[in-house]
Amino acid sequence: MLFTHDVAPRMALVMDLVNTDPGVVGAAQVGVNQPSVATALGPQPGGDNEDVVDSPGWLQHFVADHCLFRVDEGSMKNGRTWNREIKELRAELRAIVDAPDMESTVERTNNLIAVLSVRPYLSRHDDLDWHIDWAADSADAVSRIRVEAGLGLLGFLPQGGIDRFRRCARPGCERYLVDLSKNKSRKFCEGTNCAARTHAQAYRNRNKQG
């Protein structure tokens, strides 16, 4: 199965945000495809239950890593507001990927985007040529993340369904992933070396048995 070119980055954004939830095993690690955030923020205090979203600069790095253009410092002011709103959005997204059936997933996805007022328009900015934008120029960072997440789910769910949402297969990780492979063969999350670590452990186990 082939998904449109914009589904993958938008669904990566969804999984990256969900995987920051302290309730996810391994959430203290940086989200999928976000090594630059880990480098920029450095070790976070508070142990495994520390919420990386509370880290100074987290939102700016998340926006930059996911190429949410034209989101400036002005749209990120009032940290208390965006901090609460991004956690509420994260909870909505986790409820979507945890939903027990397609009907529940669709209902929650529709609720996710129901609060948005978006319209398509042509835009050219930063290093991009003419393309379709959805979020208004005045949209704040959290609203723009909600738009991208909603569009990703709208593009993914009709084709992918919910059985492509799963947890990482490495014991002890349990981070969320979305499988966009043609044959539904993906087992491990990205950005944490889970696949390499699992294969290395299997190799060591075989050598011990031999």
Protein backbone atom coordinates (compact mmCIF):
# COMPACT_ATOMS: atom_id res chain seq x y z
CA MET A 1 0.00 0.00 0.00
CA LEU A 2 1.29 3.45 -0.94
CA PHE A 3 0.36 6.54 1.04
CA THR A 4 0.53 10.08 -0.31
CA HIS A 5 3.83 11.88 0.18
CA ASP A 6 2.55 14.12 2.96
CA VAL A 7 1.13 11.35 5.16
CA ALA A 8 4.49 10.06 6.42
CA PRO A 9 5.85 13.34 7.88
CA ARG A 10 2.49 14.21 9.40
CA MET A 11 2.08 10.79 11.00
CA ALA A 12 5.67 11.03 12.27
CA LEU A 13 4.61 14.26 13.98
CA VAL A 14 1.66 12.44 15.58
CA MET A 15 3.84 9.63 16.89
CA ASP A 16 6.57 12.01 18.06
CA LEU A 17 4.10 13.93 20.18
CA VAL A 18 2.35 10.83 21.56
CA ASN A 19 5.71 9.33 22.51
CA THR A 20 6.51 12.28 24.77
CA ASP A 21 3.72 11.19 27.12
CA PRO A 22 5.30 10.18 30.46
CA GLY A 23 2.78 7.34 30.54
CA VAL A 24 4.49 5.70 27.56
CA VAL A 25 7.36 3.39 28.53
CA GLY A 26 10.50 5.02 27.17
CA ALA A 27 8.87 8.43 26.84
CA ALA A 28 11.79 10.08 28.61
CA GLN A 29 13.69 9.42 25.41
CA VAL A 30 13.30 11.90 22.60
CA GLY A 31 10.45 11.27 20.18
CA VAL A 32 10.75 9.59 16.82
CA ASN A 33 13.05 11.32 14.33
CA GLN A 34 14.07 14.01 16.83
CA PRO A 35 17.77 13.55 17.60
CA SER A 36 18.34 17.28 17.35
CA VAL A 37 15.97 17.91 20.23
CA ALA A 38 17.94 15.57 22.47
CA THR A 39 21.17 17.28 21.52
CA ALA A 40 19.79 20.75 22.00
CA LEU A 41 18.03 20.14 25.29
CA GLY A 42 20.52 17.77 26.85
CA PRO A 43 19.76 15.46 29.81
CA GLN A 44 16.46 16.27 31.49
CA PRO A 45 16.03 16.23 35.27
CA GLY A 46 13.34 14.39 37.12
CA GLY A 47 13.88 10.80 36.02
CA ASP A 48 11.65 8.67 33.87
CA ASN A 49 8.46 10.54 34.79
CA GLU A 50 9.78 13.93 33.66
CA ASP A 51 7.66 15.38 30.87
CA VAL A 52 9.98 16.54 28.10
CA VAL A 53 7.27 18.96 26.98
CA ASP A 54 8.04 21.00 30.10
CA SER A 55 11.64 21.51 28.98
CA PRO A 56 12.57 25.07 27.97
CA GLY A 57 12.81 25.29 24.21
CA TRP A 58 11.00 22.01 23.54
CA LEU A 59 8.20 23.57 21.46
CA GLN A 60 10.61 25.57 19.30
CA HIS A 61 12.66 22.46 18.55
CA PHE A 62 9.57 20.36 17.84
CA VAL A 63 8.29 22.97 15.40
CA ALA A 64 11.67 23.22 13.68
CA ASP A 65 12.16 19.45 13.45
CA HIS A 66 8.79 19.02 11.78
CA CYS A 67 9.23 21.96 9.42
CA LEU A 68 6.22 23.90 10.64
CA PHE A 69 7.23 27.09 8.86
CA ARG A 70 6.32 30.64 9.76
CA VAL A 71 5.88 29.84 13.44
CA ASP A 72 7.87 32.54 15.21
CA GLU A 73 8.58 33.37 18.82
CA GLY A 74 5.51 35.56 18.97
CA SER A 75 3.24 32.61 18.36
CA MET A 76 4.83 30.73 21.26
CA LYS A 77 4.43 33.37 23.97
CA ASN A 78 2.51 32.66 27.15
CA GLY A 79 4.21 29.38 27.99
CA ARG A 80 1.59 28.31 30.50
CA THR A 81 -1.09 28.34 27.81
CA TRP A 82 0.78 26.40 25.15
CA ASN A 83 2.11 23.95 27.72
CA ARG A 84 -1.40 23.02 28.82
CA GLU A 85 -2.75 23.00 25.27
CA ILE A 86 -0.01 20.78 23.84
CA LYS A 87 -0.59 18.24 26.62
CA GLU A 88 -4.32 18.26 25.91
CA LEU A 89 -3.61 17.71 22.21
CA ARG A 90 -1.21 14.89 23.06
CA ALA A 91 -3.90 13.20 25.15
CA GLU A 92 -6.34 13.45 22.24
CA LEU A 93 -3.82 11.87 19.86
CA ARG A 94 -2.99 9.06 22.26
CA ALA A 95 -6.71 8.32 22.64
CA ILE A 96 -6.92 8.06 18.86
CA VAL A 97 -4.08 5.55 18.50
CA ASP A 98 -5.36 3.61 21.53
CA ALA A 99 -8.97 3.47 20.31
CA PRO A 100 -10.35 -0.11 20.24
CA ASP A 101 -11.98 0.05 16.82
CA MET A 102 -12.12 2.09 13.62
CA GLU A 103 -15.40 3.77 14.52
CA SER A 104 -13.97 5.11 17.77
CA THR A 105 -10.78 6.22 16.02
CA VAL A 106 -12.74 8.09 13.35
CA GLU A 107 -15.01 9.74 15.91
CA ARG A 108 -12.04 10.95 17.94
CA THR A 109 -10.23 12.14 14.81
CA ASN A 110 -13.27 14.12 13.70
CA ASN A 111 -13.47 15.66 17.18
CA LEU A 112 -9.77 16.53 16.94
CA ILE A 113 -10.27 18.66 13.85
CA ALA A 114 -13.77 19.93 14.63
CA VAL A 115 -12.33 22.84 16.63
CA LEU A 116 -10.24 24.03 13.69
CA SER A 117 -11.13 26.70 11.21
CA VAL A 118 -8.91 25.91 8.24
CA ARG A 119 -9.04 26.44 4.52
CA PRO A 120 -6.62 25.52 1.75
CA TYR A 121 -4.67 28.30 0.07
CA LEU A 122 -1.55 28.61 -2.06
CA SER A 123 1.55 29.91 -0.32
CA ARG A 124 5.26 30.35 -0.94
CA HIS A 125 7.60 30.97 1.98
CA ASP A 126 10.96 30.08 3.48
CA ASP A 127 12.72 27.74 1.00
CA LEU A 128 9.49 26.26 -0.36
CA ASP A 129 7.99 26.97 -3.76
CA TRP A 130 4.24 27.32 -4.28
CA HIS A 131 2.32 24.73 -2.27
CA ILE A 132 -0.96 24.24 -0.39
CA ASP A 133 -1.09 25.54 3.17
CA TRP A 134 -3.94 25.00 5.59
CA ALA A 135 -3.15 26.81 8.82
CA ALA A 136 -3.66 30.56 8.77
CA ASP A 137 -0.62 32.80 8.83
CA SER A 138 -1.69 33.99 12.27
CA ALA A 139 -2.06 30.44 13.71
CA ASP A 140 -0.10 29.77 16.88
CA ALA A 141 2.28 26.85 17.20
CA VAL A 142 -0.10 24.44 18.93
CA SER A 143 -2.89 25.15 16.43
CA ARG A 144 -0.48 24.49 13.57
CA ILE A 145 0.56 21.18 15.15
CA ARG A 146 -3.12 20.24 15.50
CA VAL A 147 -3.73 21.04 11.83
CA GLU A 148 -0.81 18.90 10.68
CA ALA A 149 -1.78 16.02 12.96
CA GLY A 150 -5.40 16.15 11.83
CA LEU A 151 -4.49 16.24 8.14
CA GLY A 152 -2.11 13.32 8.66
CA LEU A 153 -4.81 11.21 10.28
CA LEU A 154 -7.35 12.14 7.61
CA GLY A 155 -4.92 11.03 4.91
CA PHE A 156 -3.86 7.87 6.72
CA LEU A 157 -6.95 6.30 8.28
CA PRO A 158 -9.10 5.60 5.18
CA GLN A 159 -6.29 3.52 3.70
CA GLY A 160 -4.31 2.37 6.72
CA GLY A 161 -6.97 1.64 9.31
CA ILE A 162 -6.05 1.09 12.95
CA ASP A 163 -4.09 -2.16 12.71
CA ARG A 164 -1.05 -0.19 11.57
CA PHE A 165 -0.88 1.50 14.97
CA ARG A 166 1.25 -0.60 17.30
CA ARG A 167 3.87 -0.60 20.04
CA CYS A 168 7.58 -1.14 19.49
CA ALA A 169 8.52 -4.83 19.58
CA ARG A 170 11.67 -4.34 21.66
CA PRO A 171 10.97 -5.55 25.22
CA GLY A 172 10.81 -2.61 27.60
CA CYS A 173 10.23 0.08 24.98
CA GLU A 174 6.51 0.06 24.11
CA ARG A 175 6.71 3.37 22.27
CA TYR A 176 4.05 3.91 19.63
CA LEU A 177 4.69 3.59 15.92
CA VAL A 178 2.67 3.71 12.74
CA ASP A 179 3.52 1.14 10.11
CA LEU A 180 3.52 2.70 6.64
CA SER A 181 5.34 -0.21 4.99
CA LYS A 182 3.78 -1.95 2.00
CA ASN A 183 3.48 -5.32 3.75
CA LYS A 184 2.81 -4.16 7.32
CA SER A 185 6.21 -5.47 8.42
CA ARG A 186 7.49 -2.68 10.62
CA LYS A 187 8.08 -3.74 14.22
CA PHE A 188 10.32 -1.14 15.82
CA CYS A 189 10.05 2.56 16.57
CA GLU A 190 12.50 5.00 15.03
CA GLY A 191 15.12 7.20 16.60
CA THR A 192 15.98 4.91 19.53
CA ASN A 193 18.01 2.12 17.83
CA CYS A 194 15.47 -0.43 19.00
CA ALA A 195 15.79 -2.56 15.86
CA ALA A 196 19.61 -2.64 16.02
CA ARG A 197 19.61 -3.38 19.75
CA THR A 198 17.10 -6.21 19.35
CA HIS A 199 19.03 -7.79 16.48
CA ALA A 200 22.30 -7.47 18.41
CA GLN A 201 20.77 -9.16 21.45
CA ALA A 202 19.40 -11.97 19.28
CA TYR A 203 22.86 -12.44 17.78
CA ARG A 204 24.45 -12.65 21.23
CA ASN A 205 21.83 -15.15 22.35
CA ARG A 206 22.51 -17.37 19.34
CA ASN A 207 26.24 -17.28 20.05
CA LYS A 208 25.65 -18.29 23.67
CA GLN A 209 23.51 -21.20 22.59
CA GLY A 210 26.11 -22.25 20.03
